[in-house]
Each structure stands twice: as structure tokens, then as C-alpha cells.
Amino acid sequence: MNVEKRAIRQRLREQRRALTAEAVEAAGWAVQEQVLRFAPYTAAVSLIAYIAHENELPTAGLLRAAERSGRGLFLPRSTPPIGVVRWQTGEPLVAGCGGVYQPADGRDTLPEVPGVALVPVVGWDATGQRLGRGGGFYDRLFAALTTGITRVGLAYEFQLCPELPRDPWDIPLDYVITERRTVRCERTGAALQKGGLQLS
């Protein structure tokens, strides 16, 4: 594992673990409101999401909203067979790698497009480089997915880093949504505009 990535991940995870339940809930509501208005989401017919773990941005409300809207709902499965599994709220979950909950049953499948993937974040930068949970699952997943899936990190503003180290297999995010703003990631590494970027 990249030593610099490991050090940054450890520091940011400690900060996230220190958040109060009230702060996590408030940030979750702010992020949810932005996701539900987010143009790629409103156009999507499927949603890949995650079950929040260790004070990650909560997704329970987004899972319910996606299901009510008739979108196909998918959760990652990090134990073999690795992939995403179609899921409905209330279906059983089991602890996977690192204690993160994943579907107990179902076969891996490709979601319909256009779709949106909501991805947990430990750290992020303006180019869409992401530090995640550390297993490389999402990089492998995105390498296998067809085009038509918009990659969106759900992050806290404090997780923004000036520049993150990268490996050749890292696949960047298209957008990051925090409790304050929605950011379109710039592959050139251009500085973020104050207050975030407006979506067209």
C-alpha cells in the first residue's frame, strides 16, 4: 500500500470517527437534498449506493428515495463474487470486508444506464482523485462497468485535500457532493472555484 495514502487515510478517518451523530445527520440531510436535485441523478434509471459505515455520509434516505422513484437499486458486494447486486430495502444484509454491510444474496449484475454511483470517500481532491476504504474495490468495479455511470463521491468538506497521491489503477470521480456544495471534478487539476462549480 502507498505509505503516503495510508497516512492520509488514517488521519482523515480519525477526524471522521470524531464527528458527533448530530453532525453526521445534518451533513447527510444536506448532501441528500443536493443529490435529489443533481441532474445526472434525476436522469438516471439506476443507482449504485452503499451502506454507510464509520460515520460515512449516510445513504438510508437516498436508498428509500431511489426505490420509491422506481430506479433500479444496487449495492456493492466486496466478497466473491465481487460486483454490484440488485437490492431492495428490507432484504437481508451481512457484514463484508471491514464490517461493511452488503447484500446477503443475489448475483452480480450490471446496472441499467444512465446510472449514478454514489461512492464513500475518506479523502478527495479537485481532480476527482479519491481515497476510499483501502481495498481498491471501487477502482476494480469502475473498470468493469459499462459507460453511462456517473461516479459521485459523497464527502465531508473537511476531507478535501490539496492533492492526493495516485496509482496507475486509480479511477477518478466525476463529481463530489459535500454538505456545502456540488463540485465537478477537473481532470487538469485546476483550482476549485469558490463555493463550488455550478452544474449545467
N, C-alpha and C. Protein backbone atom coordinates (compact mmCIF):
# COMPACT_ATOMS: atom_id res chain seq x y z
N MET A 1 0.85 -1.20 0.00
CA MET A 1 0.00 0.00 0.00
C MET A 1 0.88 1.24 0.00
N ASN A 2 0.48 2.25 -0.76
CA ASN A 2 1.18 3.52 -0.79
C ASN A 2 1.23 4.11 0.63
N VAL A 3 2.46 4.35 1.13
CA VAL A 3 2.64 4.79 2.52
C VAL A 3 1.98 6.15 2.75
N GLU A 4 2.12 7.05 1.76
CA GLU A 4 1.53 8.38 1.92
C GLU A 4 0.01 8.29 1.96
N LYS A 5 -0.57 7.46 1.09
CA LYS A 5 -2.02 7.27 1.12
C LYS A 5 -2.47 6.74 2.47
N ARG A 6 -1.72 5.78 2.99
CA ARG A 6 -2.10 5.17 4.27
C ARG A 6 -2.11 6.20 5.39
N ALA A 7 -1.11 7.09 5.41
CA ALA A 7 -1.03 8.11 6.46
C ALA A 7 -2.18 9.10 6.35
N ILE A 8 -2.49 9.54 5.13
CA ILE A 8 -3.59 10.48 4.93
C ILE A 8 -4.91 9.82 5.32
N ARG A 9 -5.10 8.57 4.89
CA ARG A 9 -6.33 7.85 5.20
C ARG A 9 -6.52 7.73 6.71
N GLN A 10 -5.47 7.39 7.42
CA GLN A 10 -5.57 7.23 8.87
C GLN A 10 -5.97 8.54 9.54
N ARG A 11 -5.33 9.64 9.12
CA ARG A 11 -5.64 10.94 9.73
C ARG A 11 -7.09 11.34 9.48
N LEU A 12 -7.54 11.19 8.24
CA LEU A 12 -8.90 11.61 7.91
C LEU A 12 -9.95 10.69 8.52
N ARG A 13 -9.66 9.41 8.62
CA ARG A 13 -10.61 8.50 9.28
C ARG A 13 -10.74 8.85 10.76
N GLU A 14 -9.65 9.24 11.40
CA GLU A 14 -9.72 9.64 12.80
C GLU A 14 -10.60 10.87 12.95
N GLN A 15 -10.45 11.83 12.04
CA GLN A 15 -11.30 13.03 12.09
C GLN A 15 -12.77 12.66 11.89
N ARG A 16 -13.02 11.75 10.98
CA ARG A 16 -14.40 11.37 10.71
C ARG A 16 -15.01 10.61 11.89
N ARG A 17 -14.24 9.74 12.50
CA ARG A 17 -14.73 9.00 13.67
C ARG A 17 -15.09 9.93 14.82
N ALA A 18 -14.45 11.10 14.87
CA ALA A 18 -14.68 12.04 15.96
C ALA A 18 -15.95 12.87 15.78
N LEU A 19 -16.59 12.78 14.62
CA LEU A 19 -17.80 13.55 14.38
C LEU A 19 -18.93 13.09 15.30
N THR A 20 -19.76 14.03 15.72
CA THR A 20 -20.92 13.66 16.53
C THR A 20 -22.02 13.10 15.64
N ALA A 21 -22.93 12.37 16.24
CA ALA A 21 -24.06 11.84 15.48
C ALA A 21 -24.89 12.96 14.88
N GLU A 22 -25.00 14.07 15.61
CA GLU A 22 -25.77 15.21 15.11
C GLU A 22 -25.12 15.82 13.87
N ALA A 23 -23.78 15.92 13.87
CA ALA A 23 -23.07 16.48 12.72
C ALA A 23 -23.21 15.58 11.51
N VAL A 24 -23.12 14.27 11.72
CA VAL A 24 -23.27 13.32 10.60
C VAL A 24 -24.67 13.42 10.01
N GLU A 25 -25.69 13.47 10.89
CA GLU A 25 -27.06 13.54 10.40
C GLU A 25 -27.31 14.81 9.62
N ALA A 26 -26.82 15.95 10.13
CA ALA A 26 -27.04 17.23 9.45
C ALA A 26 -26.35 17.23 8.08
N ALA A 27 -25.12 16.73 8.02
CA ALA A 27 -24.41 16.66 6.74
C ALA A 27 -25.14 15.72 5.79
N GLY A 28 -25.65 14.63 6.31
CA GLY A 28 -26.38 13.68 5.48
C GLY A 28 -27.60 14.30 4.82
N TRP A 29 -28.37 15.08 5.59
CA TRP A 29 -29.55 15.73 5.02
C TRP A 29 -29.14 16.73 3.94
N ALA A 30 -28.07 17.50 4.19
CA ALA A 30 -27.62 18.50 3.21
C ALA A 30 -27.16 17.83 1.92
N VAL A 31 -26.44 16.73 2.04
CA VAL A 31 -25.99 16.00 0.85
C VAL A 31 -27.18 15.39 0.12
N GLN A 32 -28.11 14.81 0.85
CA GLN A 32 -29.26 14.18 0.22
C GLN A 32 -30.05 15.18 -0.61
N GLU A 33 -30.27 16.39 -0.10
CA GLU A 33 -31.00 17.40 -0.85
C GLU A 33 -30.32 17.71 -2.17
N GLN A 34 -28.99 17.78 -2.14
CA GLN A 34 -28.25 18.07 -3.38
C GLN A 34 -28.32 16.91 -4.36
N VAL A 35 -28.20 15.68 -3.86
CA VAL A 35 -28.26 14.52 -4.75
C VAL A 35 -29.61 14.47 -5.46
N LEU A 36 -30.69 14.70 -4.73
CA LEU A 36 -32.03 14.59 -5.33
C LEU A 36 -32.28 15.65 -6.39
N ARG A 37 -31.52 16.75 -6.37
CA ARG A 37 -31.64 17.80 -7.40
C ARG A 37 -30.57 17.68 -8.48
N PHE A 38 -29.65 16.76 -8.33
CA PHE A 38 -28.47 16.62 -9.17
C PHE A 38 -28.88 16.08 -10.55
N ALA A 39 -28.55 16.81 -11.62
CA ALA A 39 -29.05 16.47 -12.96
C ALA A 39 -28.75 15.02 -13.37
N PRO A 40 -27.53 14.51 -13.19
CA PRO A 40 -27.31 13.10 -13.56
C PRO A 40 -28.18 12.13 -12.76
N TYR A 41 -28.49 12.48 -11.51
CA TYR A 41 -29.37 11.61 -10.73
C TYR A 41 -30.81 11.65 -11.25
N THR A 42 -31.32 12.85 -11.54
CA THR A 42 -32.70 12.94 -12.00
C THR A 42 -32.88 12.23 -13.34
N ALA A 43 -31.81 12.11 -14.13
CA ALA A 43 -31.89 11.42 -15.42
C ALA A 43 -31.61 9.93 -15.31
N ALA A 44 -31.14 9.48 -14.15
CA ALA A 44 -30.69 8.10 -14.01
C ALA A 44 -31.85 7.13 -13.88
N VAL A 45 -31.65 5.91 -14.41
CA VAL A 45 -32.63 4.84 -14.22
C VAL A 45 -32.13 3.82 -13.20
N SER A 46 -30.88 3.96 -12.77
CA SER A 46 -30.35 3.06 -11.75
C SER A 46 -29.41 3.82 -10.83
N LEU A 47 -29.28 3.31 -9.61
CA LEU A 47 -28.42 3.92 -8.60
C LEU A 47 -27.60 2.84 -7.92
N ILE A 48 -26.29 3.02 -7.93
CA ILE A 48 -25.39 2.22 -7.11
C ILE A 48 -25.10 3.05 -5.87
N ALA A 49 -25.33 2.50 -4.70
CA ALA A 49 -25.09 3.23 -3.46
C ALA A 49 -24.33 2.34 -2.50
N TYR A 50 -24.29 2.70 -1.23
CA TYR A 50 -23.56 1.93 -0.22
C TYR A 50 -24.26 2.08 1.10
N ILE A 51 -23.99 1.15 2.00
CA ILE A 51 -24.47 1.25 3.38
C ILE A 51 -23.37 1.95 4.18
N ALA A 52 -23.72 3.09 4.79
CA ALA A 52 -22.71 3.90 5.48
C ALA A 52 -22.10 3.15 6.66
N HIS A 53 -20.82 3.42 6.87
CA HIS A 53 -20.03 2.74 7.90
C HIS A 53 -19.06 3.75 8.47
N GLU A 54 -18.87 3.72 9.77
CA GLU A 54 -17.84 4.54 10.43
C GLU A 54 -18.00 6.03 10.11
N ASN A 55 -19.22 6.55 10.31
CA ASN A 55 -19.53 7.97 10.12
C ASN A 55 -19.39 8.45 8.67
N GLU A 56 -19.45 7.54 7.70
CA GLU A 56 -19.55 7.98 6.31
C GLU A 56 -20.87 8.73 6.12
N LEU A 57 -20.96 9.51 5.03
CA LEU A 57 -22.21 10.21 4.75
C LEU A 57 -23.34 9.19 4.65
N PRO A 58 -24.41 9.35 5.44
CA PRO A 58 -25.49 8.36 5.43
C PRO A 58 -26.24 8.33 4.11
N THR A 59 -26.72 7.14 3.74
CA THR A 59 -27.40 6.95 2.47
C THR A 59 -28.80 6.36 2.62
N ALA A 60 -29.26 6.09 3.83
CA ALA A 60 -30.53 5.40 4.01
C ALA A 60 -31.68 6.13 3.32
N GLY A 61 -31.74 7.45 3.46
CA GLY A 61 -32.80 8.22 2.83
C GLY A 61 -32.72 8.17 1.32
N LEU A 62 -31.50 8.18 0.78
CA LEU A 62 -31.32 8.11 -0.67
C LEU A 62 -31.71 6.74 -1.21
N LEU A 63 -31.43 5.69 -0.45
CA LEU A 63 -31.85 4.35 -0.87
C LEU A 63 -33.36 4.26 -0.95
N ARG A 64 -34.04 4.80 0.06
CA ARG A 64 -35.51 4.76 0.05
C ARG A 64 -36.08 5.61 -1.09
N ALA A 65 -35.48 6.78 -1.31
CA ALA A 65 -35.97 7.67 -2.38
C ALA A 65 -35.79 7.03 -3.75
N ALA A 66 -34.65 6.38 -3.97
CA ALA A 66 -34.40 5.73 -5.26
C ALA A 66 -35.41 4.62 -5.49
N GLU A 67 -35.70 3.86 -4.44
CA GLU A 67 -36.65 2.76 -4.59
C GLU A 67 -38.06 3.30 -4.87
N ARG A 68 -38.46 4.35 -4.15
CA ARG A 68 -39.79 4.93 -4.38
C ARG A 68 -39.94 5.47 -5.80
N SER A 69 -38.84 5.96 -6.36
CA SER A 69 -38.88 6.55 -7.70
C SER A 69 -38.89 5.50 -8.81
N GLY A 70 -38.70 4.24 -8.45
CA GLY A 70 -38.70 3.18 -9.44
C GLY A 70 -37.34 2.93 -10.07
N ARG A 71 -36.30 3.59 -9.60
CA ARG A 71 -34.96 3.32 -10.12
C ARG A 71 -34.47 1.95 -9.65
N GLY A 72 -33.68 1.31 -10.48
CA GLY A 72 -33.01 0.09 -10.03
C GLY A 72 -31.99 0.43 -8.97
N LEU A 73 -31.97 -0.29 -7.88
CA LEU A 73 -31.10 -0.01 -6.75
C LEU A 73 -30.08 -1.13 -6.60
N PHE A 74 -28.81 -0.76 -6.50
CA PHE A 74 -27.73 -1.73 -6.45
C PHE A 74 -26.78 -1.40 -5.29
N LEU A 75 -26.31 -2.45 -4.62
CA LEU A 75 -25.30 -2.30 -3.57
C LEU A 75 -24.06 -3.10 -3.95
N PRO A 76 -22.88 -2.62 -3.55
CA PRO A 76 -21.65 -3.37 -3.83
C PRO A 76 -21.55 -4.62 -2.95
N ARG A 77 -20.90 -5.63 -3.49
CA ARG A 77 -20.54 -6.80 -2.71
C ARG A 77 -19.03 -7.01 -2.88
N SER A 78 -18.31 -6.92 -1.76
CA SER A 78 -16.85 -6.95 -1.81
C SER A 78 -16.26 -8.33 -1.59
N THR A 79 -17.11 -9.30 -1.28
CA THR A 79 -16.63 -10.68 -1.17
C THR A 79 -17.10 -11.46 -2.40
N PRO A 80 -16.36 -12.47 -2.83
CA PRO A 80 -16.67 -13.18 -4.07
C PRO A 80 -18.08 -13.76 -4.07
N PRO A 81 -18.79 -13.65 -5.22
CA PRO A 81 -18.34 -12.97 -6.45
C PRO A 81 -18.48 -11.45 -6.32
N ILE A 82 -17.39 -10.73 -6.54
CA ILE A 82 -17.35 -9.28 -6.35
C ILE A 82 -18.14 -8.59 -7.46
N GLY A 83 -18.88 -7.57 -7.11
CA GLY A 83 -19.63 -6.79 -8.08
C GLY A 83 -20.72 -6.00 -7.40
N VAL A 84 -21.76 -5.65 -8.15
CA VAL A 84 -22.91 -4.99 -7.56
C VAL A 84 -24.11 -5.91 -7.71
N VAL A 85 -24.99 -5.86 -6.70
CA VAL A 85 -26.13 -6.76 -6.62
C VAL A 85 -27.40 -5.92 -6.55
N ARG A 86 -28.39 -6.29 -7.34
CA ARG A 86 -29.68 -5.59 -7.25
C ARG A 86 -30.29 -5.89 -5.89
N TRP A 87 -30.82 -4.85 -5.25
CA TRP A 87 -31.24 -4.97 -3.86
C TRP A 87 -32.49 -4.13 -3.64
N GLN A 88 -33.31 -4.54 -2.69
CA GLN A 88 -34.46 -3.77 -2.25
C GLN A 88 -34.35 -3.54 -0.75
N THR A 89 -34.82 -2.38 -0.29
CA THR A 89 -34.74 -2.10 1.14
C THR A 89 -35.50 -3.18 1.90
N GLY A 90 -34.92 -3.61 2.99
CA GLY A 90 -35.51 -4.66 3.80
C GLY A 90 -34.95 -6.04 3.51
N GLU A 91 -34.29 -6.22 2.37
CA GLU A 91 -33.67 -7.50 2.09
C GLU A 91 -32.45 -7.69 2.99
N PRO A 92 -32.09 -8.94 3.32
CA PRO A 92 -31.04 -9.16 4.31
C PRO A 92 -29.67 -8.67 3.87
N LEU A 93 -28.93 -8.20 4.88
CA LEU A 93 -27.55 -7.75 4.69
C LEU A 93 -26.64 -8.56 5.61
N VAL A 94 -25.40 -8.71 5.19
CA VAL A 94 -24.40 -9.37 6.02
C VAL A 94 -23.14 -8.51 6.03
N ALA A 95 -22.31 -8.68 7.05
CA ALA A 95 -21.06 -7.93 7.13
C ALA A 95 -20.06 -8.49 6.14
N GLY A 96 -19.50 -7.62 5.32
CA GLY A 96 -18.46 -8.00 4.37
C GLY A 96 -17.10 -7.52 4.84
N CYS A 97 -16.23 -7.18 3.89
CA CYS A 97 -14.88 -6.74 4.23
C CYS A 97 -14.92 -5.50 5.12
N GLY A 98 -14.16 -5.52 6.19
CA GLY A 98 -14.09 -4.39 7.10
C GLY A 98 -15.36 -4.14 7.89
N GLY A 99 -16.28 -5.10 7.88
CA GLY A 99 -17.52 -4.92 8.62
C GLY A 99 -18.59 -4.14 7.89
N VAL A 100 -18.33 -3.78 6.62
CA VAL A 100 -19.30 -3.02 5.83
C VAL A 100 -20.42 -3.94 5.38
N TYR A 101 -21.67 -3.51 5.55
CA TYR A 101 -22.81 -4.35 5.20
C TYR A 101 -23.01 -4.41 3.69
N GLN A 102 -23.37 -5.60 3.22
CA GLN A 102 -23.60 -5.85 1.81
C GLN A 102 -24.73 -6.87 1.67
N PRO A 103 -25.31 -6.99 0.46
CA PRO A 103 -26.41 -7.95 0.29
C PRO A 103 -25.99 -9.37 0.65
N ALA A 104 -26.91 -10.09 1.31
CA ALA A 104 -26.63 -11.47 1.69
C ALA A 104 -26.77 -12.41 0.50
N ASP A 105 -27.64 -12.05 -0.43
CA ASP A 105 -27.92 -12.92 -1.56
C ASP A 105 -27.89 -12.11 -2.85
N GLY A 106 -28.11 -12.80 -3.96
CA GLY A 106 -28.19 -12.15 -5.25
C GLY A 106 -26.93 -12.36 -6.06
N ARG A 107 -27.08 -12.24 -7.37
CA ARG A 107 -25.92 -12.42 -8.23
C ARG A 107 -25.45 -11.06 -8.73
N ASP A 108 -24.16 -10.96 -9.01
CA ASP A 108 -23.63 -9.69 -9.50
C ASP A 108 -24.18 -9.44 -10.91
N THR A 109 -24.47 -8.17 -11.19
CA THR A 109 -25.09 -7.81 -12.46
C THR A 109 -24.69 -6.39 -12.82
N LEU A 110 -24.86 -6.01 -14.05
CA LEU A 110 -24.57 -4.65 -14.48
C LEU A 110 -25.84 -3.81 -14.38
N PRO A 111 -25.75 -2.62 -13.80
CA PRO A 111 -26.93 -1.77 -13.71
C PRO A 111 -27.29 -1.19 -15.08
N GLU A 112 -28.56 -0.82 -15.21
CA GLU A 112 -29.01 -0.16 -16.42
C GLU A 112 -28.40 1.24 -16.49
N VAL A 113 -28.27 1.77 -17.69
CA VAL A 113 -27.73 3.11 -17.88
C VAL A 113 -28.80 3.99 -18.54
N PRO A 114 -28.76 5.31 -18.30
CA PRO A 114 -27.77 6.00 -17.48
C PRO A 114 -27.96 5.72 -15.99
N GLY A 115 -26.85 5.72 -15.28
CA GLY A 115 -26.89 5.46 -13.85
C GLY A 115 -25.93 6.36 -13.10
N VAL A 116 -26.09 6.36 -11.80
CA VAL A 116 -25.21 7.13 -10.90
C VAL A 116 -24.67 6.17 -9.85
N ALA A 117 -23.39 6.27 -9.57
CA ALA A 117 -22.76 5.52 -8.48
C ALA A 117 -22.38 6.50 -7.38
N LEU A 118 -22.96 6.33 -6.20
CA LEU A 118 -22.61 7.13 -5.03
C LEU A 118 -21.55 6.35 -4.25
N VAL A 119 -20.41 6.99 -4.03
CA VAL A 119 -19.22 6.30 -3.56
C VAL A 119 -18.78 6.90 -2.21
N PRO A 120 -18.45 6.07 -1.22
CA PRO A 120 -17.94 6.60 0.05
C PRO A 120 -16.53 7.15 -0.12
N VAL A 121 -16.24 8.20 0.63
CA VAL A 121 -14.97 8.91 0.49
C VAL A 121 -14.30 9.07 1.85
N VAL A 122 -12.99 8.85 1.87
CA VAL A 122 -12.18 9.22 3.03
C VAL A 122 -11.47 10.54 2.76
N GLY A 123 -10.96 10.71 1.54
CA GLY A 123 -10.32 11.96 1.13
C GLY A 123 -10.55 12.18 -0.36
N TRP A 124 -10.54 13.46 -0.79
CA TRP A 124 -10.74 13.77 -2.21
C TRP A 124 -9.98 15.02 -2.58
N ASP A 125 -9.73 15.20 -3.89
CA ASP A 125 -9.12 16.43 -4.35
C ASP A 125 -9.86 16.95 -5.58
N ALA A 126 -9.43 18.10 -6.09
CA ALA A 126 -10.16 18.79 -7.15
C ALA A 126 -10.19 18.02 -8.46
N THR A 127 -9.26 17.10 -8.65
CA THR A 127 -9.21 16.34 -9.90
C THR A 127 -10.09 15.09 -9.87
N GLY A 128 -10.73 14.82 -8.73
CA GLY A 128 -11.55 13.62 -8.60
C GLY A 128 -10.80 12.44 -8.03
N GLN A 129 -9.53 12.65 -7.69
CA GLN A 129 -8.79 11.57 -7.03
C GLN A 129 -9.42 11.31 -5.66
N ARG A 130 -9.56 10.05 -5.31
CA ARG A 130 -10.29 9.66 -4.10
C ARG A 130 -9.49 8.69 -3.26
N LEU A 131 -9.54 8.91 -1.96
CA LEU A 131 -9.10 7.89 -1.02
C LEU A 131 -10.35 7.24 -0.46
N GLY A 132 -10.40 5.92 -0.54
CA GLY A 132 -11.56 5.20 -0.03
C GLY A 132 -11.21 4.35 1.16
N ARG A 133 -11.90 3.24 1.28
CA ARG A 133 -11.73 2.38 2.44
C ARG A 133 -10.42 1.61 2.41
N GLY A 134 -9.77 1.55 1.25
CA GLY A 134 -8.42 0.99 1.21
C GLY A 134 -8.28 -0.35 0.52
N GLY A 135 -9.40 -0.93 0.04
CA GLY A 135 -9.30 -2.24 -0.58
C GLY A 135 -9.23 -2.22 -2.10
N GLY A 136 -9.41 -1.05 -2.71
CA GLY A 136 -9.38 -0.96 -4.16
C GLY A 136 -10.64 -1.47 -4.84
N PHE A 137 -11.70 -1.70 -4.06
CA PHE A 137 -12.92 -2.29 -4.63
C PHE A 137 -13.52 -1.42 -5.73
N TYR A 138 -13.66 -0.12 -5.47
CA TYR A 138 -14.34 0.73 -6.44
C TYR A 138 -13.54 0.92 -7.71
N ASP A 139 -12.22 0.94 -7.63
CA ASP A 139 -11.42 1.02 -8.86
C ASP A 139 -11.66 -0.21 -9.73
N ARG A 140 -11.71 -1.39 -9.12
CA ARG A 140 -11.99 -2.60 -9.88
C ARG A 140 -13.41 -2.59 -10.44
N LEU A 141 -14.34 -2.11 -9.63
CA LEU A 141 -15.73 -2.05 -10.07
C LEU A 141 -15.88 -1.12 -11.26
N PHE A 142 -15.33 0.10 -11.17
CA PHE A 142 -15.49 1.07 -12.25
C PHE A 142 -14.78 0.62 -13.52
N ALA A 143 -13.69 -0.12 -13.37
CA ALA A 143 -13.01 -0.65 -14.56
C ALA A 143 -13.88 -1.66 -15.29
N ALA A 144 -14.78 -2.35 -14.55
CA ALA A 144 -15.62 -3.38 -15.15
C ALA A 144 -16.95 -2.85 -15.66
N LEU A 145 -17.39 -1.69 -15.17
CA LEU A 145 -18.70 -1.18 -15.54
C LEU A 145 -18.70 -0.60 -16.95
N THR A 146 -19.85 -0.67 -17.59
CA THR A 146 -20.00 -0.06 -18.90
C THR A 146 -20.02 1.46 -18.74
N THR A 147 -19.89 2.16 -19.87
CA THR A 147 -20.03 3.61 -19.83
C THR A 147 -21.47 3.96 -19.48
N GLY A 148 -21.68 5.20 -19.10
CA GLY A 148 -23.03 5.63 -18.75
C GLY A 148 -23.29 5.67 -17.26
N ILE A 149 -22.25 5.41 -16.45
CA ILE A 149 -22.37 5.50 -14.99
C ILE A 149 -21.58 6.72 -14.52
N THR A 150 -22.25 7.68 -13.91
CA THR A 150 -21.60 8.87 -13.38
C THR A 150 -21.10 8.56 -11.97
N ARG A 151 -19.81 8.78 -11.73
CA ARG A 151 -19.16 8.45 -10.45
C ARG A 151 -19.19 9.68 -9.54
N VAL A 152 -19.87 9.55 -8.40
CA VAL A 152 -20.08 10.68 -7.49
C VAL A 152 -19.62 10.30 -6.10
N GLY A 153 -18.65 11.02 -5.57
CA GLY A 153 -18.21 10.82 -4.20
C GLY A 153 -19.08 11.61 -3.24
N LEU A 154 -19.50 10.97 -2.14
CA LEU A 154 -20.20 11.68 -1.07
C LEU A 154 -19.18 11.92 0.04
N ALA A 155 -18.90 13.19 0.32
CA ALA A 155 -17.76 13.53 1.18
C ALA A 155 -18.10 14.69 2.10
N TYR A 156 -17.36 14.78 3.17
CA TYR A 156 -17.39 15.99 4.01
C TYR A 156 -16.41 17.00 3.44
N GLU A 157 -16.73 18.26 3.66
CA GLU A 157 -15.85 19.32 3.17
C GLU A 157 -14.45 19.21 3.78
N PHE A 158 -14.34 18.79 5.04
CA PHE A 158 -13.02 18.74 5.68
C PHE A 158 -12.12 17.66 5.05
N GLN A 159 -12.70 16.76 4.24
CA GLN A 159 -11.91 15.71 3.62
C GLN A 159 -11.20 16.16 2.35
N LEU A 160 -11.44 17.41 1.92
CA LEU A 160 -10.78 17.95 0.74
C LEU A 160 -9.28 18.09 1.00
N CYS A 161 -8.46 17.57 0.09
CA CYS A 161 -7.00 17.64 0.18
C CYS A 161 -6.48 18.44 -1.01
N PRO A 162 -5.36 19.18 -0.85
CA PRO A 162 -4.81 19.94 -1.97
C PRO A 162 -4.48 19.06 -3.17
N GLU A 163 -3.88 17.91 -2.92
CA GLU A 163 -3.55 16.96 -3.98
C GLU A 163 -3.27 15.60 -3.35
N LEU A 164 -3.94 14.58 -3.85
CA LEU A 164 -3.76 13.25 -3.31
C LEU A 164 -2.79 12.45 -4.19
N PRO A 165 -2.00 11.56 -3.58
CA PRO A 165 -1.15 10.67 -4.38
C PRO A 165 -2.03 9.73 -5.19
N ARG A 166 -1.52 9.30 -6.34
CA ARG A 166 -2.32 8.42 -7.19
C ARG A 166 -1.50 7.26 -7.71
N ASP A 167 -2.20 6.18 -7.95
CA ASP A 167 -1.61 4.99 -8.55
C ASP A 167 -2.19 4.82 -9.95
N PRO A 168 -1.50 4.05 -10.83
CA PRO A 168 -1.96 3.93 -12.21
C PRO A 168 -3.37 3.36 -12.35
N TRP A 169 -3.80 2.55 -11.37
CA TRP A 169 -5.12 1.90 -11.47
C TRP A 169 -6.25 2.74 -10.87
N ASP A 170 -5.93 3.89 -10.29
CA ASP A 170 -6.96 4.73 -9.69
C ASP A 170 -7.89 5.29 -10.76
N ILE A 171 -9.18 5.21 -10.54
CA ILE A 171 -10.18 5.77 -11.46
C ILE A 171 -10.84 6.95 -10.76
N PRO A 172 -10.75 8.15 -11.35
CA PRO A 172 -11.22 9.35 -10.64
C PRO A 172 -12.74 9.48 -10.63
N LEU A 173 -13.21 10.28 -9.71
CA LEU A 173 -14.62 10.63 -9.62
C LEU A 173 -14.96 11.69 -10.66
N ASP A 174 -16.23 11.73 -11.05
CA ASP A 174 -16.71 12.79 -11.93
C ASP A 174 -17.18 14.01 -11.14
N TYR A 175 -17.76 13.76 -9.97
CA TYR A 175 -18.26 14.82 -9.10
C TYR A 175 -18.02 14.44 -7.65
N VAL A 176 -18.00 15.45 -6.80
CA VAL A 176 -18.03 15.23 -5.36
C VAL A 176 -19.14 16.11 -4.79
N ILE A 177 -19.96 15.53 -3.93
CA ILE A 177 -21.02 16.30 -3.26
C ILE A 177 -20.72 16.29 -1.77
N THR A 178 -20.58 17.49 -1.20
CA THR A 178 -20.34 17.65 0.23
C THR A 178 -21.56 18.31 0.86
N GLU A 179 -21.49 18.53 2.17
CA GLU A 179 -22.59 19.19 2.86
C GLU A 179 -22.74 20.65 2.42
N ARG A 180 -21.74 21.19 1.71
CA ARG A 180 -21.79 22.60 1.31
C ARG A 180 -22.04 22.82 -0.17
N ARG A 181 -21.64 21.88 -1.03
CA ARG A 181 -21.64 22.16 -2.46
C ARG A 181 -21.53 20.89 -3.29
N THR A 182 -21.78 21.09 -4.60
CA THR A 182 -21.56 20.05 -5.59
C THR A 182 -20.41 20.50 -6.48
N VAL A 183 -19.40 19.66 -6.60
CA VAL A 183 -18.17 20.02 -7.32
C VAL A 183 -18.01 19.12 -8.54
N ARG A 184 -17.82 19.74 -9.70
CA ARG A 184 -17.45 19.00 -10.90
C ARG A 184 -15.92 18.85 -10.88
N CYS A 185 -15.44 17.64 -10.92
CA CYS A 185 -14.01 17.40 -10.80
C CYS A 185 -13.30 17.75 -12.10
N GLU A 186 -12.19 18.46 -11.98
CA GLU A 186 -11.43 18.92 -13.13
C GLU A 186 -10.20 18.05 -13.30
N ARG A 187 -10.13 17.34 -14.43
CA ARG A 187 -9.00 16.44 -14.66
C ARG A 187 -7.68 17.18 -14.77
N THR A 188 -7.72 18.47 -15.10
CA THR A 188 -6.50 19.24 -15.24
C THR A 188 -5.89 19.62 -13.89
N GLY A 189 -6.68 19.45 -12.83
CA GLY A 189 -6.20 19.83 -11.51
C GLY A 189 -6.38 21.31 -11.23
N ALA A 190 -7.20 21.98 -12.05
CA ALA A 190 -7.45 23.40 -11.82
C ALA A 190 -8.05 23.61 -10.44
N ALA A 191 -7.77 24.76 -9.87
CA ALA A 191 -8.27 25.06 -8.52
C ALA A 191 -9.80 25.09 -8.53
N LEU A 192 -10.38 24.68 -7.43
CA LEU A 192 -11.83 24.73 -7.27
C LEU A 192 -12.28 26.19 -7.21
N GLN A 193 -13.39 26.49 -7.87
CA GLN A 193 -13.95 27.81 -7.73
C GLN A 193 -14.56 27.97 -6.35
N LYS A 194 -14.47 29.15 -5.83
CA LYS A 194 -15.03 29.40 -4.51
C LYS A 194 -16.51 29.09 -4.52
N GLY A 195 -16.94 28.29 -3.54
CA GLY A 195 -18.33 27.93 -3.43
C GLY A 195 -18.76 26.79 -4.32
N GLY A 196 -17.82 26.21 -5.07
CA GLY A 196 -18.15 25.06 -5.90
C GLY A 196 -18.51 25.48 -7.31
N LEU A 197 -18.69 24.54 -8.17
CA LEU A 197 -18.98 24.78 -9.56
C LEU A 197 -20.48 24.61 -9.82
N GLN A 198 -21.02 25.47 -10.63
CA GLN A 198 -22.42 25.35 -10.99
C GLN A 198 -22.57 24.27 -12.07
N LEU A 199 -23.59 23.46 -11.93
CA LEU A 199 -23.83 22.42 -12.92
C LEU A 199 -24.69 22.97 -14.04
N SER A 200 -24.40 22.54 -15.25
CA SER A 200 -25.22 22.98 -16.37
C SER A 200 -26.38 22.02 -16.57
